[in-house]
């Protein structure tokens, strides 16, 4: 394989990892906000 394919693969892996991290942190923040809202309703 030519060297530029390896560069494209590495860039793709980094992009997918960054996207997953971004989505996971957004999902986690949404769950935390929902949990806080539920706690406020219980009080």
PDB file of N, CA and C in Angstrom:
ATOM      1  N   UNK A   1       0.837  -1.186   0.000  1.00  0.00           N
ATOM      2  CA  UNK A   1       0.000   0.000   0.000  1.00  0.00           C
ATOM      3  C   UNK A   1       0.880   1.246   0.000  1.00  0.00           C
ATOM      4  N   UNK A   2       0.410   2.246  -0.688  1.00  0.00           N
ATOM      5  CA  UNK A   2       1.154   3.500  -0.729  1.00  0.00           C
ATOM      6  C   UNK A   2       1.043   4.220   0.608  1.00  0.00           C
ATOM      7  N   UNK A   3       1.987   5.107   0.873  1.00  0.00           N
ATOM      8  CA  UNK A   3       2.039   5.789   2.167  1.00  0.00           C
ATOM      9  C   UNK A   3       0.822   6.667   2.403  1.00  0.00           C
ATOM     10  N   UNK A   4       0.250   7.241   1.333  1.00  0.00           N
ATOM     11  CA  UNK A   4      -0.877   8.159   1.540  1.00  0.00           C
ATOM     12  C   UNK A   4      -2.136   7.435   2.003  1.00  0.00           C
ATOM     13  N   UNK A   5      -2.253   6.143   1.702  1.00  0.00           N
ATOM     14  CA  UNK A   5      -3.394   5.381   2.223  1.00  0.00           C
ATOM     15  C   UNK A   5      -3.301   5.268   3.738  1.00  0.00           C
ATOM     16  N   UNK A   6      -2.084   5.050   4.236  1.00  0.00           N
ATOM     17  CA  UNK A   6      -1.896   4.967   5.690  1.00  0.00           C
ATOM     18  C   UNK A   6      -2.234   6.299   6.349  1.00  0.00           C
ATOM     19  N   UNK A   7      -1.864   7.397   5.707  1.00  0.00           N
ATOM     20  CA  UNK A   7      -2.187   8.722   6.244  1.00  0.00           C
ATOM     21  C   UNK A   7      -3.698   8.910   6.282  1.00  0.00           C
ATOM     22  N   UNK A   8      -4.400   8.536   5.206  1.00  0.00           N
ATOM     23  CA  UNK A   8      -5.861   8.656   5.187  1.00  0.00           C
ATOM     24  C   UNK A   8      -6.527   7.774   6.238  1.00  0.00           C
ATOM     25  N   UNK A   9      -5.987   6.569   6.432  1.00  0.00           N
ATOM     26  CA  UNK A   9      -6.538   5.671   7.455  1.00  0.00           C
ATOM     27  C   UNK A   9      -6.364   6.273   8.842  1.00  0.00           C
ATOM     28  N   UNK A  10      -5.183   6.807   9.133  1.00  0.00           N
ATOM     29  CA  UNK A  10      -4.924   7.411  10.451  1.00  0.00           C
ATOM     30  C   UNK A  10      -5.833   8.613  10.667  1.00  0.00           C
ATOM     31  N   UNK A  11      -5.979   9.460   9.647  1.00  0.00           N
ATOM     32  CA  UNK A  11      -6.863  10.627   9.770  1.00  0.00           C
ATOM     33  C   UNK A  11      -8.304  10.174   9.997  1.00  0.00           C
ATOM     34  N   UNK A  12      -8.737   9.137   9.304  1.00  0.00           N
ATOM     35  CA  UNK A  12     -10.092   8.608   9.484  1.00  0.00           C
ATOM     36  C   UNK A  12     -10.316   8.070  10.885  1.00  0.00           C
ATOM     37  N   UNK A  13      -9.344   7.334  11.398  1.00  0.00           N
ATOM     38  CA  UNK A  13      -9.461   6.776  12.751  1.00  0.00           C
ATOM     39  C   UNK A  13      -9.520   7.896  13.788  1.00  0.00           C
ATOM     40  N   UNK A  14      -8.684   8.911  13.617  1.00  0.00           N
ATOM     41  CA  UNK A  14      -8.704  10.044  14.549  1.00  0.00           C
ATOM     42  C   UNK A  14     -10.040  10.780  14.471  1.00  0.00           C
ATOM     43  N   UNK A  15     -10.559  10.980  13.261  1.00  0.00           N
ATOM     44  CA  UNK A  15     -11.836  11.682  13.092  1.00  0.00           C
ATOM     45  C   UNK A  15     -12.975  10.892  13.728  1.00  0.00           C
ATOM     46  N   UNK A  16     -12.996   9.588  13.520  1.00  0.00           N
ATOM     47  CA  UNK A  16     -14.063   8.762  14.110  1.00  0.00           C
ATOM     48  C   UNK A  16     -13.954   8.766  15.636  1.00  0.00           C
ATOM     49  N   UNK A  17     -12.745   8.669  16.165  1.00  0.00           N
ATOM     50  CA  UNK A  17     -12.553   8.705  17.613  1.00  0.00           C
ATOM     51  C   UNK A  17     -12.997  10.026  18.206  1.00  0.00           C
ATOM     52  N   UNK A  18     -12.666  11.140  17.545  1.00  0.00           N
ATOM     53  CA  UNK A  18     -13.069  12.464  18.020  1.00  0.00           C
ATOM     54  C   UNK A  18     -14.591  12.597  18.003  1.00  0.00           C
ATOM     55  N   UNK A  19     -15.216  12.105  16.925  1.00  0.00           N
ATOM     56  CA  UNK A  19     -16.673  12.186  16.807  1.00  0.00           C
ATOM     57  C   UNK A  19     -17.348  11.358  17.897  1.00  0.00           C
ATOM     58  N   UNK A  20     -16.838  10.154  18.140  1.00  0.00           N
ATOM     59  CA  UNK A  20     -17.415   9.312  19.191  1.00  0.00           C
ATOM     60  C   UNK A  20     -17.275   9.975  20.552  1.00  0.00           C
ATOM     61  N   UNK A  21     -16.118  10.575  20.807  1.00  0.00           N
ATOM     62  CA  UNK A  21     -15.898  11.252  22.078  1.00  0.00           C
ATOM     63  C   UNK A  21     -16.855  12.425  22.237  1.00  0.00           C
ATOM     64  N   UNK A  22     -17.039  13.185  21.173  1.00  0.00           N
ATOM     65  CA  UNK A  22     -17.940  14.340  21.192  1.00  0.00           C
ATOM     66  C   UNK A  22     -19.384  13.886  21.459  1.00  0.00           C
ATOM     67  N   UNK A  23     -19.821  12.859  20.748  1.00  0.00           N
ATOM     68  CA  UNK A  23     -21.187  12.360  20.929  1.00  0.00           C
ATOM     69  C   UNK A  23     -21.379  11.756  22.310  1.00  0.00           C
ATOM     70  N   UNK A  24     -20.367  11.032  22.817  1.00  0.00           N
ATOM     71  CA  UNK A  24     -20.479  10.422  24.133  1.00  0.00           C
ATOM     72  C   UNK A  24     -20.585  11.484  25.218  1.00  0.00           C
ATOM     73  N   UNK A  25     -19.784  12.552  25.108  1.00  0.00           N
ATOM     74  CA  UNK A  25     -19.852  13.601  26.134  1.00  0.00           C
ATOM     75  C   UNK A  25     -21.190  14.336  26.069  1.00  0.00           C
ATOM     76  N   UNK A  26     -21.735  14.539  24.871  1.00  0.00           N
ATOM     77  CA  UNK A  26     -23.049  15.182  24.742  1.00  0.00           C
ATOM     78  C   UNK A  26     -24.129  14.285  25.328  1.00  0.00           C
ATOM     79  N   UNK A  27     -24.035  12.984  25.073  1.00  0.00           N
ATOM     80  CA  UNK A  27     -25.015  12.032  25.604  1.00  0.00           C
ATOM     81  C   UNK A  27     -24.933  11.975  27.123  1.00  0.00           C
ATOM     82  N   UNK A  28     -23.710  12.010  27.657  1.00  0.00           N
ATOM     83  CA  UNK A  28     -23.531  11.964  29.101  1.00  0.00           C
ATOM     84  C   UNK A  28     -24.076  13.234  29.761  1.00  0.00           C
ATOM     85  N   UNK A  29     -23.866  14.384  29.148  1.00  0.00           N
ATOM     86  CA  UNK A  29     -24.382  15.644  29.691  1.00  0.00           C
ATOM     87  C   UNK A  29     -25.905  15.643  29.670  1.00  0.00           C
ATOM     88  N   UNK A  30     -26.486  15.091  28.622  1.00  0.00           N
ATOM     89  CA  UNK A  30     -27.946  15.009  28.520  1.00  0.00           C
ATOM     90  C   UNK A  30     -28.512  14.114  29.620  1.00  0.00           C
ATOM     91  N   UNK A  31     -27.851  12.983  29.875  1.00  0.00           N
ATOM     92  CA  UNK A  31     -28.311  12.090  30.950  1.00  0.00           C
ATOM     93  C   UNK A  31     -28.187  12.766  32.313  1.00  0.00           C
ATOM     94  N   UNK A  32     -27.103  13.516  32.529  1.00  0.00           N
ATOM     95  CA  UNK A  32     -26.904  14.196  33.811  1.00  0.00           C
ATOM     96  C   UNK A  32     -27.981  15.254  34.019  1.00  0.00           C
ATOM     97  N   UNK A  33     -28.296  16.009  32.977  1.00  0.00           N
ATOM     98  CA  UNK A  33     -29.331  17.034  33.074  1.00  0.00           C
ATOM     99  C   UNK A  33     -30.688  16.399  33.357  1.00  0.00           C
ATOM    100  N   UNK A  34     -30.951  15.279  32.733  1.00  0.00           N
ATOM    101  CA  UNK A  34     -32.226  14.588  32.955  1.00  0.00           C
ATOM    102  C   UNK A  34     -32.299  14.060  34.383  1.00  0.00           C
ATOM    103  N   UNK A  35     -31.194  13.533  34.903  1.00  0.00           N
ATOM    104  CA  UNK A  35     -31.169  13.029  36.278  1.00  0.00           C
ATOM    105  C   UNK A  35     -31.388  14.168  37.268  1.00  0.00           C
ATOM    106  N   UNK A  36     -30.800  15.322  37.008  1.00  0.00           N
ATOM    107  CA  UNK A  36     -30.997  16.473  37.898  1.00  0.00           C
ATOM    108  C   UNK A  36     -32.446  16.950  37.851  1.00  0.00           C
ATOM    109  N   UNK A  37     -33.056  16.908  36.698  1.00  0.00           N
ATOM    110  CA  UNK A  37     -34.450  17.312  36.564  1.00  0.00           C
ATOM    111  C   UNK A  37     -35.357  16.361  37.336  1.00  0.00           C
ATOM    112  N   UNK A  38     -35.058  15.074  37.295  1.00  0.00           N
ATOM    113  CA  UNK A  38     -35.855  14.086  38.026  1.00  0.00           C
ATOM    114  C   UNK A  38     -35.717  14.312  39.518  1.00  0.00           C
ATOM    115  N   UNK A  39     -34.470  14.598  39.983  1.00  0.00           N
ATOM    116  CA  UNK A  39     -34.260  14.857  41.410  1.00  0.00           C
ATOM    117  C   UNK A  39     -35.041  16.089  41.874  1.00  0.00           C
ATOM    118  N   UNK A  40     -35.089  17.135  41.037  1.00  0.00           N
ATOM    119  CA  UNK A  40     -35.836  18.336  41.402  1.00  0.00           C
ATOM    120  C   UNK A  40     -37.332  18.059  41.495  1.00  0.00           C
ATOM    121  N   UNK A  41     -37.834  17.178  40.641  1.00  0.00           N
ATOM    122  CA  UNK A  41     -39.255  16.835  40.672  1.00  0.00           C
ATOM    123  C   UNK A  41     -39.606  16.039  41.914  1.00  0.00           C
ATOM    124  N   UNK A  42     -38.659  15.243  42.418  1.00  0.00           N
ATOM    125  CA  UNK A  42     -38.904  14.412  43.607  1.00  0.00           C
ATOM    126  C   UNK A  42     -38.990  15.261  44.864  1.00  0.00           C
ATOM    127  N   UNK A  43     -38.330  16.392  44.874  1.00  0.00           N
ATOM    128  CA  UNK A  43     -38.298  17.203  46.105  1.00  0.00           C
ATOM    129  C   UNK A  43     -39.544  17.961  46.344  1.00  0.00           C
TER     130      UNK A  43
END
